[in-house]
Protein backbone atom coordinates (compact mmCIF):
# COMPACT_ATOMS: atom_id res chain seq x y z
CA MET A 1 80.31 63.95 110.32
CA HIS A 2 82.27 64.34 107.08
CA ALA A 3 80.83 61.07 105.84
CA ILE A 4 77.27 62.25 106.53
CA ILE A 5 77.85 65.58 104.79
CA GLY A 6 79.44 63.74 101.87
CA PHE A 7 76.44 61.44 101.58
CA LEU A 8 74.04 64.39 101.71
CA ARG A 9 76.05 66.21 99.06
CA PHE A 10 75.94 63.13 96.82
CA LEU A 11 72.20 62.68 97.42
CA LEU A 12 71.28 66.32 96.78
CA LYS A 13 73.59 66.69 93.78
CA TYR A 14 73.16 63.41 91.91
CA ARG A 15 69.84 62.19 93.30
CA ASN A 16 68.12 65.53 93.67
CA LYS A 17 65.26 64.56 91.33
CA LEU A 18 64.61 61.45 93.39
CA VAL A 19 64.43 63.52 96.58
CA ASP A 20 62.11 66.06 94.92
CA ARG A 21 59.79 63.38 93.56
CA THR A 22 59.61 61.61 96.92
CA MET A 23 58.70 64.84 98.67
CA PHE A 24 56.20 65.65 95.91
CA TYR A 25 54.30 62.38 96.25
CA LEU A 26 54.30 62.61 100.05
CA SER A 27 53.00 66.20 99.97
CA MET A 28 50.38 65.22 97.38
CA VAL A 29 49.05 62.45 99.63
CA CYS A 30 48.92 64.90 102.54
CA ALA A 31 47.14 67.52 100.40
CA LEU A 32 44.55 64.99 99.19
CA MET A 33 43.94 63.83 102.75
CA THR A 34 43.50 67.45 103.84
CA LEU A 35 41.10 68.07 100.97
CA ALA A 36 39.04 65.00 101.90
CA HIS A 37 38.95 66.12 105.55
CA ILE A 38 37.83 69.67 104.72
CA GLY A 39 35.43 69.06 101.88
CA TYR A 40 34.22 65.46 101.91
CA ILE A 41 34.11 63.79 105.33
CA THR A 42 30.89 64.68 107.15
CA ASP A 43 30.65 61.95 109.81
CA LYS A 44 31.54 63.47 113.21
CA GLN A 45 33.72 60.57 114.39
CA LEU A 46 35.53 60.32 111.08
CA VAL A 47 36.10 64.08 111.13
CA GLU A 48 37.93 63.81 114.46
CA THR A 49 40.05 60.91 113.21
CA SER A 50 40.91 62.63 109.93
CA GLU A 51 41.77 65.85 111.78
CA ASP A 52 44.31 63.98 113.92
CA THR A 53 45.72 62.42 110.74
CA VAL A 54 46.06 65.83 109.06
CA ILE A 55 47.86 67.26 112.12
CA ALA A 56 50.25 64.28 112.11
CA MET A 57 50.93 64.85 108.40
CA PHE A 58 51.58 68.53 109.10
CA TYR A 59 54.33 67.72 111.59
CA PHE A 60 55.65 64.96 109.31
CA LEU A 61 56.06 67.38 106.40
CA PHE A 62 57.56 69.93 108.77
CA ILE A 63 60.28 67.51 109.90
CA LEU A 64 61.06 66.29 106.36
CA GLY A 65 61.18 69.84 104.98
CA ALA A 66 63.45 71.01 107.80
CA LEU A 67 65.84 68.09 107.30
CA ARG A 68 66.07 68.66 103.54
CA THR A 69 66.59 72.43 103.85
CA VAL A 70 69.26 72.14 106.54
CA ALA A 71 70.96 69.28 104.70
CA ALA A 72 70.99 71.23 101.42
CA ILE A 73 72.56 74.29 103.09
CA LEU A 74 75.21 72.15 104.82
CA ALA A 75 75.97 70.22 101.63
CA GLU A 76 76.29 73.28 99.39
CA ARG A 77 77.72 75.55 102.11
CA LYS A 78 75.69 78.51 100.84
CA ILE A 79 72.12 79.81 100.79
CA ASN A 80 70.46 80.28 97.40
CA VAL A 81 66.91 81.21 96.34
CA SER A 82 65.47 77.71 96.78
CA HIS A 83 66.98 77.53 100.29
CA ILE A 84 65.35 80.84 101.21
CA SER A 85 61.94 79.50 100.23
CA GLY A 86 62.61 76.40 102.34
CA LEU A 87 63.60 78.56 105.29
CA VAL A 88 60.43 80.65 104.90
CA LEU A 89 58.32 77.49 105.05
CA LEU A 90 60.36 76.34 108.03
CA VAL A 91 59.65 79.58 109.90
CA TYR A 92 55.94 79.27 109.04
CA PHE A 93 55.84 75.72 110.41
CA LEU A 94 57.63 76.78 113.59
CA ILE A 95 55.20 79.66 114.23
CA VAL A 96 52.13 77.47 113.69
CA SER A 97 53.59 74.58 115.72
CA VAL A 98 54.49 76.80 118.69
CA SER A 99 51.07 78.50 118.47
CA ARG A 100 49.31 75.15 118.69
CA VAL A 101 51.45 73.99 121.61
CA VAL A 102 50.94 77.11 123.73
CA ASP A 103 47.43 77.77 122.31
CA TRP A 104 47.96 81.26 120.87
CA GLY A 105 44.34 81.79 119.90
CA TYR A 106 43.93 82.70 116.23
CA LEU A 107 47.25 81.19 115.05
CA ALA A 108 46.37 77.89 116.71
CA LYS A 109 43.41 77.26 114.41
CA MET A 110 43.36 74.34 112.00
CA GLU A 111 43.15 76.66 108.99
CA TRP A 112 46.86 77.47 109.36
CA VAL A 113 47.67 73.75 109.32
CA TYR A 114 45.74 73.39 106.05
CA VAL A 115 47.57 76.37 104.54
CA GLY A 116 50.94 74.92 105.56
CA ILE A 117 50.25 71.58 103.86
CA VAL A 118 49.02 73.32 100.71
CA LEU A 119 52.13 75.53 100.61
CA VAL A 120 54.39 72.48 100.82
CA PHE A 121 52.44 70.77 98.05
CA LEU A 122 52.66 73.87 95.83
CA SER A 123 56.38 74.14 96.46
CA GLU A 124 56.97 70.50 95.52
CA LEU A 125 54.69 70.80 92.51
CA SER A 126 56.75 73.79 91.38
CA ARG A 127 60.00 71.89 91.71
CA ASN A 128 58.77 68.94 89.66
CA THR A 129 56.25 69.97 87.05
CA LEU A 130 55.72 73.71 86.72
CA PHE A 131 58.50 74.48 84.30
CA PHE A 132 56.90 72.79 81.28
CA ASP A 133 60.29 71.90 79.82
CA ASN A 134 58.78 68.75 78.35
CA PHE A 135 55.90 70.64 76.71
CA TYR A 136 56.06 71.93 73.16
CA PHE A 137 52.81 73.87 73.09
CA ASN A 138 52.49 77.34 71.71
CA PRO A 139 52.50 79.61 74.81
CA THR A 140 49.08 80.94 73.77
CA ILE A 141 47.67 77.40 73.73
CA LEU A 142 49.29 76.73 77.10
CA PHE A 143 47.67 79.89 78.46
CA VAL A 144 44.23 78.68 77.34
CA ILE A 145 44.82 75.15 78.67
CA SER A 146 45.87 76.52 82.05
CA PHE A 147 42.51 78.29 82.44
CA LEU A 148 40.62 75.16 81.44
CA ALA A 149 42.59 73.07 83.94
CA LEU A 150 41.93 75.56 86.74
CA ILE A 151 38.21 75.61 85.92
CA LEU A 152 38.01 71.80 86.05
CA LEU A 153 39.90 71.74 89.36
CA GLY A 154 37.55 74.37 90.77
CA THR A 155 34.54 72.37 89.57
CA VAL A 156 35.73 69.30 91.47
CA LEU A 157 36.35 71.33 94.63
CA LEU A 158 32.95 73.03 94.48
CA MET A 159 31.19 69.67 94.11
CA LEU A 160 32.52 68.43 97.47
CA PRO A 161 29.76 67.87 100.07
CA ARG A 162 31.15 70.31 102.62
CA THR A 163 31.44 73.14 100.09
CA THR A 164 27.75 73.94 100.48
CA ILE A 165 25.52 74.02 103.56
CA VAL A 166 22.19 72.86 102.12
CA ALA A 167 22.97 70.43 99.27
CA PRO A 168 25.99 69.71 97.04
CA LEU A 169 26.12 71.52 93.72
CA SER A 170 25.36 69.65 90.53
CA PHE A 171 28.11 69.32 87.91
CA VAL A 172 26.65 72.07 85.73
CA ASP A 173 26.22 74.46 88.68
CA ALA A 174 29.72 73.71 89.98
CA LEU A 175 31.18 74.20 86.49
CA PHE A 176 29.32 77.51 86.16
CA MET A 177 30.51 78.79 89.54
CA ALA A 178 34.11 77.68 88.91
CA THR A 179 34.13 79.35 85.49
CA SER A 180 32.65 82.53 86.94
CA ALA A 181 35.29 82.62 89.69
CA VAL A 182 38.29 81.79 87.46
CA CYS A 183 37.10 84.20 84.77
CA ILE A 184 36.50 86.81 87.54
CA THR A 185 32.94 87.43 86.37
CA GLY A 186 30.70 87.28 89.45
CA LEU A 187 27.59 85.62 88.00
CA THR A 188 26.25 83.04 90.46
CA VAL A 189 23.62 80.31 90.37
CA THR A 190 23.37 80.27 94.15
CA ASP A 191 23.91 82.72 96.99
CA ILE A 192 27.44 82.01 98.24
CA SER A 193 26.82 84.09 101.37
CA THR A 194 24.13 81.72 102.66
CA ASN A 195 24.61 78.44 100.78
CA PHE A 196 28.41 78.17 100.83
CA SER A 197 30.43 77.13 103.85
CA VAL A 198 33.62 78.92 104.83
CA PHE A 199 35.52 76.24 102.92
CA GLY A 200 33.41 76.87 99.81
CA GLN A 201 33.89 80.63 100.09
CA SER A 202 37.64 80.08 100.52
CA VAL A 203 37.72 77.98 97.34
CA VAL A 204 35.93 80.76 95.44
CA MET A 205 38.35 83.35 96.84
CA LEU A 206 41.37 81.26 95.79
CA LEU A 207 39.96 80.73 92.29
CA ILE A 208 39.37 84.48 91.97
CA GLN A 209 42.94 85.27 93.02
CA ILE A 210 44.57 82.76 90.68
CA GLY A 211 42.17 83.51 87.83
CA GLY A 212 42.63 87.26 88.22
CA LEU A 213 46.39 87.10 87.87
CA GLY A 214 46.40 84.08 85.57
CA ILE A 215 47.52 80.63 86.58
CA MET A 216 50.67 80.96 84.46
CA THR A 217 51.73 83.98 86.52
CA PHE A 218 51.37 81.96 89.72
CA THR A 219 53.09 79.04 88.05
CA GLY A 220 56.06 81.17 87.11
CA PHE A 221 56.24 82.82 90.53
CA PHE A 222 56.15 79.60 92.54
CA GLY A 223 58.41 77.86 90.05
CA TYR A 224 61.12 80.50 90.34
CA PHE A 225 60.71 81.01 94.07
CA PHE A 226 60.84 77.34 95.04
CA SER A 227 63.30 76.08 92.43
CA GLY A 228 65.67 79.02 92.32
CA GLY A 229 65.75 79.87 88.62
CA PHE A 230 64.32 79.86 85.12
CA SER A 231 65.56 77.96 82.10
CA TYR A 232 66.00 79.86 78.83
CA LYS A 233 62.91 78.13 77.43
CA ASN A 234 60.89 79.20 80.48
CA GLN A 235 61.93 82.81 79.99
CA LEU A 236 60.86 82.73 76.33
CA MET A 237 57.50 81.18 77.19
CA PHE A 238 56.67 83.50 80.10
CA GLY A 239 57.96 86.48 78.12
CA GLU A 240 55.37 85.84 75.41
CA ILE A 241 52.59 85.21 77.94
CA LEU A 242 53.40 88.36 79.93
CA GLY A 243 53.98 90.46 76.80
CA GLU A 244 57.57 91.19 77.83
CA ASN A 245 60.03 91.54 74.94
CA LYS A 246 63.22 91.65 77.02
CA LEU A 247 64.23 88.29 78.45
CA ASN A 248 66.18 89.85 81.29
CA SER A 249 62.97 91.62 82.42
CA VAL A 250 60.71 88.56 82.53
CA ILE A 251 61.45 87.70 86.17
CA SER A 252 61.18 91.30 87.35
CA THR A 253 57.88 91.73 85.46
CA LEU A 254 56.53 88.54 87.01
CA PHE A 255 57.45 89.61 90.52
CA THR A 256 56.15 93.13 89.91
CA ILE A 257 52.69 91.81 88.98
CA ILE A 258 52.56 89.62 92.09
CA PHE A 259 53.86 92.41 94.34
CA ILE A 260 51.43 95.04 93.01
CA THR A 261 48.46 92.71 93.39
CA LEU A 262 49.24 91.54 96.91
CA PHE A 263 50.25 95.04 98.06
CA PHE A 264 47.06 96.76 96.93
CA GLU A 265 44.91 93.87 98.14
CA LEU A 266 46.55 94.21 101.55
CA ILE A 267 45.95 97.98 101.61
CA GLY A 268 42.37 97.50 100.42
CA GLY A 269 41.78 94.80 103.02
CA LEU A 270 42.98 97.09 105.81
CA PHE A 271 40.71 99.94 104.70
CA ILE A 272 37.76 97.56 104.39
CA PHE A 273 38.49 96.14 107.86
CA PHE A 274 38.39 99.55 109.51
CA SER A 275 35.31 100.69 107.57
CA LEU A 276 33.23 97.81 108.98
CA ASP A 277 31.04 97.81 112.05
CA ALA A 278 32.54 95.31 114.49
CA ALA A 279 29.08 94.58 115.89
CA GLN A 280 28.13 92.92 112.59
CA PHE A 281 30.69 90.11 113.16
CA GLU A 282 30.89 87.36 115.75
CA SER A 283 34.70 87.32 115.89
CA ILE A 284 37.72 89.20 114.59
CA GLY A 285 38.62 86.18 112.45
CA GLU A 286 35.29 86.45 110.61
CA ARG A 287 35.89 90.16 110.10
CA ILE A 288 39.40 89.49 108.70
CA PHE A 289 38.06 86.84 106.31
CA PHE A 290 35.31 89.20 105.15
CA SER A 291 37.88 91.96 104.49
CA ALA A 292 40.27 89.61 102.67
CA PHE A 293 37.51 88.16 100.48
CA HIS A 294 36.23 91.55 99.36
CA ALA A 295 39.72 93.00 98.92
CA ILE A 296 40.63 90.16 96.52
CA SER A 297 37.26 90.19 94.78
CA SER A 298 37.30 93.95 94.27
CA PHE A 299 40.90 94.32 93.06
CA CYS A 300 40.42 91.39 90.68
CA ASN A 301 37.15 92.97 89.47
CA ALA A 302 35.33 89.72 90.25
CA GLY A 303 32.10 91.09 91.75
CA PHE A 304 31.67 88.23 94.24
CA THR A 305 30.47 89.14 97.71
CA ILE A 306 29.61 87.15 100.82
CA LEU A 307 27.03 89.72 101.89
CA PRO A 308 23.41 88.51 101.87
CA GLU A 309 21.60 90.58 99.21
CA GLY A 310 24.97 91.87 97.98
CA MET A 311 26.16 95.45 98.42
CA GLY A 312 22.52 96.50 98.78
CA ASN A 313 22.40 94.86 102.21
CA GLU A 314 20.77 97.20 104.76
CA ALA A 315 23.88 97.31 106.92
CA TYR A 316 26.13 98.31 103.98
CA ARG A 317 23.88 100.14 101.52
CA PHE A 318 24.68 103.52 103.03
CA ASN A 319 28.18 102.68 104.30
CA TYR A 320 29.81 105.04 101.81
CA GLY A 321 33.29 104.54 103.28
CA PHE A 322 33.04 100.83 102.54
CA GLN A 323 31.76 101.51 99.02
CA LEU A 324 34.53 104.02 98.29
CA THR A 325 37.18 101.53 99.41
CA ILE A 326 35.73 98.79 97.20
CA MET A 327 35.46 101.26 94.30
CA CYS A 328 39.05 102.49 94.59
CA SER A 329 40.22 98.89 94.68
CA PHE A 330 38.45 97.78 91.51
CA ILE A 331 39.38 100.99 89.69
CA LEU A 332 43.06 100.33 90.46
CA GLY A 333 42.69 96.72 89.37
CA GLY A 334 41.00 97.88 86.17
CA LEU A 335 43.78 100.32 85.26
CA GLY A 336 46.22 97.53 84.47
CA PHE A 337 49.41 96.32 86.15
CA GLY A 338 51.62 98.44 83.88
CA THR A 339 49.76 101.64 84.72
CA VAL A 340 49.72 100.94 88.46
CA TYR A 341 53.43 100.09 88.37
CA ASN A 342 54.07 103.33 86.48
CA PHE A 343 52.35 105.19 89.32
CA TYR A 344 54.55 103.31 91.77
CA THR A 345 57.74 104.30 89.93
CA PHE A 346 56.53 107.90 89.68
CA LEU A 347 55.87 108.14 93.43
CA LYS A 348 59.20 106.43 94.13
CA GLN A 349 60.96 108.97 91.93
CA LYS A 350 59.23 111.87 93.69
CA ALA A 351 60.19 110.45 97.10
CA LYS A 352 63.83 110.23 96.02
CA GLN A 353 63.68 113.77 94.68
CA LEU A 354 62.28 115.04 97.98
CA GLY A 355 64.90 113.09 99.91
CA HIS A 356 67.72 114.62 97.86
CA ARG A 357 66.41 118.11 98.48
CA LEU A 358 65.85 117.71 102.23
CA PHE A 359 68.84 115.59 103.27
CA ARG A 360 71.51 115.74 100.58
CA ARG A 361 70.89 119.37 99.60
CA GLN A 362 71.56 118.58 95.94
CA PRO A 363 69.39 118.36 92.81
CA TYR A 364 68.00 114.98 91.81
CA ILE A 365 68.55 113.81 88.22
CA HIS A 366 65.34 112.13 87.13
CA LYS A 367 63.95 110.68 83.92
CA PRO A 368 62.42 113.28 81.58
CA ARG A 369 59.21 111.27 81.05
CA ALA A 370 57.71 109.90 84.27
CA PHE A 371 54.63 108.36 82.65
CA THR A 372 54.84 106.19 79.54
CA PHE A 373 52.74 106.83 76.45
CA ASN A 374 50.43 103.90 77.22
CA THR A 375 49.89 105.06 80.80
CA ARG A 376 48.95 108.57 79.70
CA PHE A 377 46.61 107.23 77.00
CA MET A 378 44.91 104.77 79.38
CA LEU A 379 44.45 107.42 82.07
CA LEU A 380 42.91 109.80 79.52
CA CYS A 381 40.48 107.15 78.24
CA ASN A 382 39.52 105.95 81.73
CA GLY A 383 39.11 109.51 82.99
CA ILE A 384 36.74 110.45 80.17
CA VAL A 385 34.64 107.30 80.63
CA LEU A 386 34.59 107.67 84.43
CA VAL A 387 33.37 111.29 84.34
CA LEU A 388 30.79 110.80 81.58
CA ALA A 389 29.40 107.59 83.08
CA THR A 390 29.06 109.09 86.56
CA ILE A 391 27.34 112.25 85.36
CA SER A 392 25.03 110.24 83.10
CA TYR A 393 24.05 107.91 85.94
CA ILE A 394 23.24 110.68 88.39
CA LEU A 395 21.13 112.48 85.76
CA LEU A 396 19.26 109.34 84.65
CA GLU A 397 18.64 107.87 88.11
CA GLN A 398 17.57 110.92 90.12
CA ARG A 399 13.97 109.65 90.29
CA HIS A 400 14.79 105.96 90.40
CA THR A 401 17.53 104.18 92.36
CA LEU A 402 19.03 107.37 93.83
CA VAL A 403 15.82 108.28 95.69
CA ASP A 404 16.93 106.27 98.76
CA ASP A 405 20.16 108.31 99.07
CA SER A 406 19.14 111.28 101.19
CA SER A 407 22.36 113.31 100.95
CA THR A 408 24.03 114.81 97.89
CA ILE A 409 27.31 113.11 98.79
CA GLY A 410 25.48 109.80 98.99
CA LYS A 411 23.99 110.26 95.53
CA TRP A 412 27.40 111.04 94.03
CA VAL A 413 29.07 108.09 95.77
CA THR A 414 26.34 105.70 94.59
CA SER A 415 26.54 107.09 91.05
CA LEU A 416 30.32 106.86 91.01
CA PHE A 417 30.18 103.33 92.40
CA MET A 418 27.53 101.98 90.01
CA ALA A 419 28.88 103.73 86.90
CA ASN A 420 32.36 102.29 87.38
CA SER A 421 31.18 98.93 88.66
CA SER A 422 29.14 98.53 85.46
CA ARG A 423 32.32 98.57 83.40
CA THR A 424 33.71 95.30 84.73
CA ALA A 425 33.60 94.97 88.54
CA GLY A 426 30.01 93.71 88.85
CA PHE A 427 29.18 94.98 92.34
CA ASP A 428 25.71 96.48 92.74
CA SER A 429 24.74 98.72 95.65
CA VAL A 430 21.27 99.19 94.13
CA ASP A 431 18.79 96.74 92.62
CA ILE A 432 19.49 96.60 88.89
CA ASN A 433 15.89 95.64 88.19
CA PHE A 434 14.74 99.12 89.27
CA VAL A 435 17.07 101.22 87.10
CA ALA A 436 15.61 103.12 84.15
CA THR A 437 15.79 101.65 80.64
CA PRO A 438 18.23 104.34 79.36
CA THR A 439 20.50 103.48 82.30
CA LEU A 440 20.36 99.79 81.36
CA ILE A 441 21.46 100.69 77.83
CA MET A 442 24.33 102.73 79.26
CA MET A 443 25.32 99.83 81.53
CA VAL A 444 25.37 97.39 78.61
CA THR A 445 27.63 99.81 76.71
CA LEU A 446 29.94 100.24 79.71
CA MET A 447 30.12 96.46 80.27
CA TRP A 448 31.01 95.89 76.63
CA MET A 449 33.63 98.65 76.76
CA GLY A 450 35.28 97.24 79.90
CA ALA A 451 38.51 98.28 81.60
CA SER A 452 42.14 98.79 80.52
CA PRO A 453 44.33 96.19 78.78
CA GLY A 454 46.69 94.23 81.02
CA SER A 455 44.28 94.50 83.94
CA THR A 456 41.97 92.19 85.84
CA GLY A 457 39.00 93.77 84.06
CA GLY A 458 37.17 92.44 81.02
CA GLY A 459 35.36 93.83 77.99
CA VAL A 460 36.89 94.80 74.65
CA LYS A 461 38.95 97.34 76.64
CA VAL A 462 38.48 101.09 76.74
CA THR A 463 41.60 101.77 74.64
CA THR A 464 40.24 99.53 71.87
CA VAL A 465 37.05 101.61 71.63
CA ALA A 466 39.09 104.82 71.80
CA LEU A 467 41.32 103.71 68.91
CA ALA A 468 38.28 102.80 66.80
CA LEU A 469 36.67 106.20 67.41
CA MET A 470 39.93 108.05 66.77
CA ASN A 471 40.42 106.13 63.54
CA ILE A 472 36.95 107.14 62.35
CA ILE A 473 37.74 110.79 63.14
CA ALA A 474 41.11 110.51 61.38
CA LEU A 475 39.44 109.07 58.25
CA ALA A 476 36.83 111.85 58.31
CA ARG A 477 39.60 114.44 58.49
CA GLY A 478 41.49 112.79 55.61
CA LYS A 479 44.47 111.63 57.69
CA GLU A 480 46.25 108.37 56.96
CA SER A 481 47.12 107.64 60.61
CA ILE A 482 46.03 108.38 64.19
CA GLU A 483 48.13 110.94 66.05
CA ILE A 484 48.07 111.69 69.78
CA TYR A 485 50.65 113.08 72.22
CA LYS A 486 52.91 113.76 69.21
CA ARG A 487 53.01 110.07 68.43
CA ARG A 488 51.60 108.08 65.51
CA ILE A 489 49.62 104.95 66.41
CA ALA A 490 50.87 101.79 64.69
CA THR A 491 48.62 100.34 61.99
CA GLU A 492 48.84 96.95 63.70
CA SER A 493 47.17 98.38 66.83
CA VAL A 494 44.30 99.85 64.81
CA ASN A 495 43.78 96.56 62.94
CA LYS A 496 43.68 94.63 66.22
CA ALA A 497 41.21 97.09 67.70
CA PHE A 498 38.71 96.60 64.88
CA ALA A 499 39.26 92.82 64.92
CA ILE A 500 38.54 92.66 68.66
CA ILE A 501 35.39 94.80 68.29
CA LEU A 502 34.06 92.71 65.40
CA LEU A 503 34.78 89.41 67.16
CA SER A 504 33.08 90.64 70.33
CA VAL A 505 29.93 91.58 68.41
CA VAL A 506 29.89 88.19 66.65
CA THR A 507 30.41 86.28 69.91
CA ILE A 508 27.76 88.23 71.84
CA THR A 509 25.27 87.88 68.97
CA LEU A 510 25.85 84.13 68.70
CA SER A 511 25.52 83.63 72.46
CA PHE A 512 22.38 85.76 72.56
CA VAL A 513 20.74 83.73 69.76
CA LEU A 514 21.64 80.44 71.44
CA MET A 515 20.31 81.71 74.78
CA ASN A 516 16.96 82.51 73.15
CA PHE A 517 16.73 78.88 72.01
CA ALA A 518 17.88 77.48 75.39
CA ASP A 519 15.67 79.72 77.58
CA PRO A 520 12.81 81.07 75.46
CA GLN A 521 10.73 81.82 78.58
CA GLN A 522 13.16 84.57 79.66
CA GLU A 523 12.85 88.18 78.51
CA MET A 524 15.13 89.11 75.62
CA LYS A 525 16.30 92.21 77.52
CA ALA A 526 17.43 90.07 80.47
CA LEU A 527 19.13 87.53 78.19
CA LEU A 528 21.05 90.21 76.29
CA PHE A 529 22.13 91.82 79.55
CA GLU A 530 23.26 88.40 80.85
CA VAL A 531 25.26 87.58 77.71
CA VAL A 532 27.03 90.96 77.57
CA SER A 533 27.78 90.71 81.30
CA ALA A 534 29.24 87.22 80.81
CA TYR A 535 31.37 88.16 77.79
CA SER A 536 32.72 91.29 79.49
CA THR A 537 33.27 89.31 82.74
CA CYS A 538 31.29 91.99 84.58
CA GLY A 539 28.87 89.91 86.65
CA LEU A 540 25.84 92.21 86.81
CA SER A 541 22.54 90.44 86.18
CA LEU A 542 18.82 91.13 86.11
CA GLY A 543 18.34 88.11 88.39
CA ILE A 544 17.80 85.34 85.84
CA THR A 545 21.05 83.42 86.38
CA PRO A 546 19.75 80.84 88.92
CA SER A 547 16.65 80.14 86.83
CA LEU A 548 18.54 79.40 83.60
CA SER A 549 18.36 75.91 82.14
CA ALA A 550 21.38 73.61 82.20
CA THR A 551 22.01 74.39 78.53
CA GLY A 552 21.71 78.11 79.20
CA LYS A 553 24.20 77.91 82.05
CA ILE A 554 26.71 76.08 79.85
CA ILE A 555 26.30 78.72 77.11
CA VAL A 556 26.90 81.51 79.63
CA ALA A 557 29.90 79.64 81.08
CA VAL A 558 31.47 79.26 77.62
CA THR A 559 30.80 82.96 76.95
CA MET A 560 32.56 83.88 80.21
CA PHE A 561 35.56 81.74 79.27
CA VAL A 562 35.78 83.21 75.76
CA GLY A 563 35.44 86.73 77.16
CA ARG A 564 38.16 86.18 79.77
CA VAL A 565 40.69 84.51 77.48
CA GLY A 566 39.81 86.67 74.50
CA THR A 567 38.33 85.68 71.15
CA LEU A 568 41.39 86.90 69.30
CA THR A 569 43.64 84.92 71.65
CA LEU A 570 41.65 81.75 70.98
CA LEU A 571 41.91 82.28 67.22
CA VAL A 572 45.66 82.88 67.49
CA ALA A 573 46.03 79.71 69.57
CA LEU A 574 44.08 77.61 67.07
CA ILE A 575 45.05 78.92 63.62
CA ARG A 576 48.30 80.80 64.13
CA ASN A 577 50.68 80.43 61.18
CA THR A 578 54.30 80.58 62.33
CA LYS A 579 55.80 80.32 58.82
CA ASN A 580 57.52 83.51 57.71
CA LYS A 581 56.85 84.63 54.16
CA SER A 582 59.74 86.02 52.14
CA TYR A 583 57.49 87.78 49.64
CA ILE A 584 54.84 90.53 49.56
CA TYR A 585 51.86 90.58 47.17
CA PRO A 586 50.96 93.69 45.16
CA THR A 587 48.62 96.10 46.96
CA GLU A 588 45.02 96.67 45.89
CA LYS A 589 42.30 98.95 47.26
CA ILE A 590 38.80 97.76 48.10
CA LEU A 591 35.83 99.95 47.17
CA PHE A 592 33.59 101.12 50.03
């Protein structure tokens, strides 16, 4: 026994990379086989054979993973972070295996086998390649490359024969759909509710989730969780990507983003589940998938739906509970992770304060400022836009799209839903083609304005527009700086705001001009609406997306990518000068 433990200790200490690489290649083969079974093999006999092979691989990975985890714990005589992740996978495998043996209904389905194999592959990929220690890219460039890689992977997956029901997507259509999903836009060249299989819809849902949070966030999370730590270089890189200045807060920030997202998606999914009519679904599994898809799509402000005819479907058009749940979800997602986390800390502080008063009978010492400056500023900006947009919509659409809503509550819910969805979410409970022209102009403005920074929403961001307007007012009043909440806004923030606005106008104008050359048969109004929607990653359309030419689709796809990553980010990645200057030139004033 001592000899065996000694050998395991030697193997896991001095040959750990060899063990990790072996497991990685084995899990990769299993994942590719699973992918071929789900998305490529269509022959009935081959499907049965490949399914048996996938099940055998599932148990094979289960046994290997269990042996390695147990051996590592025995060899090191302690349980660390990487062991915990192995034990979690072990418990998952045991639950699925027992469920399949005793036939526990929903848990015995093949989908859980597929998920298990993918989880093992992700864990091994994290151990071997997701730390980027051998890369010397600027983190901004790495951020851009990660989105491109995810889009290409999504394109390959969406081109598989079993992704669609009628006919496989062409390369351009698959690239467009993958870009739209990763960039959480919502523009589609085909109806995913009728033309996509469950596998295809699952691929879109996964691309939305990873694209909404950013692949680097998932990379960091899985890398830390499955490997048990971060190198100093990793902390520097992820700190710059996440915008975190303190190295000791990088890991907590990373986990906070993941926790907030999954928590609110879970809450949103539960509310959506209970707001649905069970008679509309053939099984509870279909109802769960529907709830999960729309919870992820709404919180990530993606605008994708698996409802035929979208939110305007007869069965859901007047389901105001469903619409309110979707709306609350995408508003929370559009506030930004920092703001939502600030709310979480505020509620946590209030709960502690109440607990001290009720149980400990002593005063609670709390922080003097519950909400940060940025949170207060973002809430003010979002509140003003929300109120003005809703009131404007209900006034402009009384004789148009709101005619079908018989009750006053219904009119307000529809107005609230459409006004806020126009900013970045992209869901439409009414037909956009029937809204009044002034409303279309308002929608274009709201799409361009977008959501809050640090969120899943797009656009130039509402705080950027607010800073620009406040700067104009400050100049008119003869002030040298912007002041709000007894704070002076940094000049750097104002400069960035105007740079982002100018770059957005240039990008939209260029895309619009190119679209007029690529699709001259389309109306200019529809093309402009499409381009602004793509740049702001909103997803609303006047219905011209499927009829665009291949060139037009590529232009829109590039616009979505630029809008999601950010024009300023792309410029920083390409022309950033890291050399520090030790001198300052004399100042001159430009005449205006």
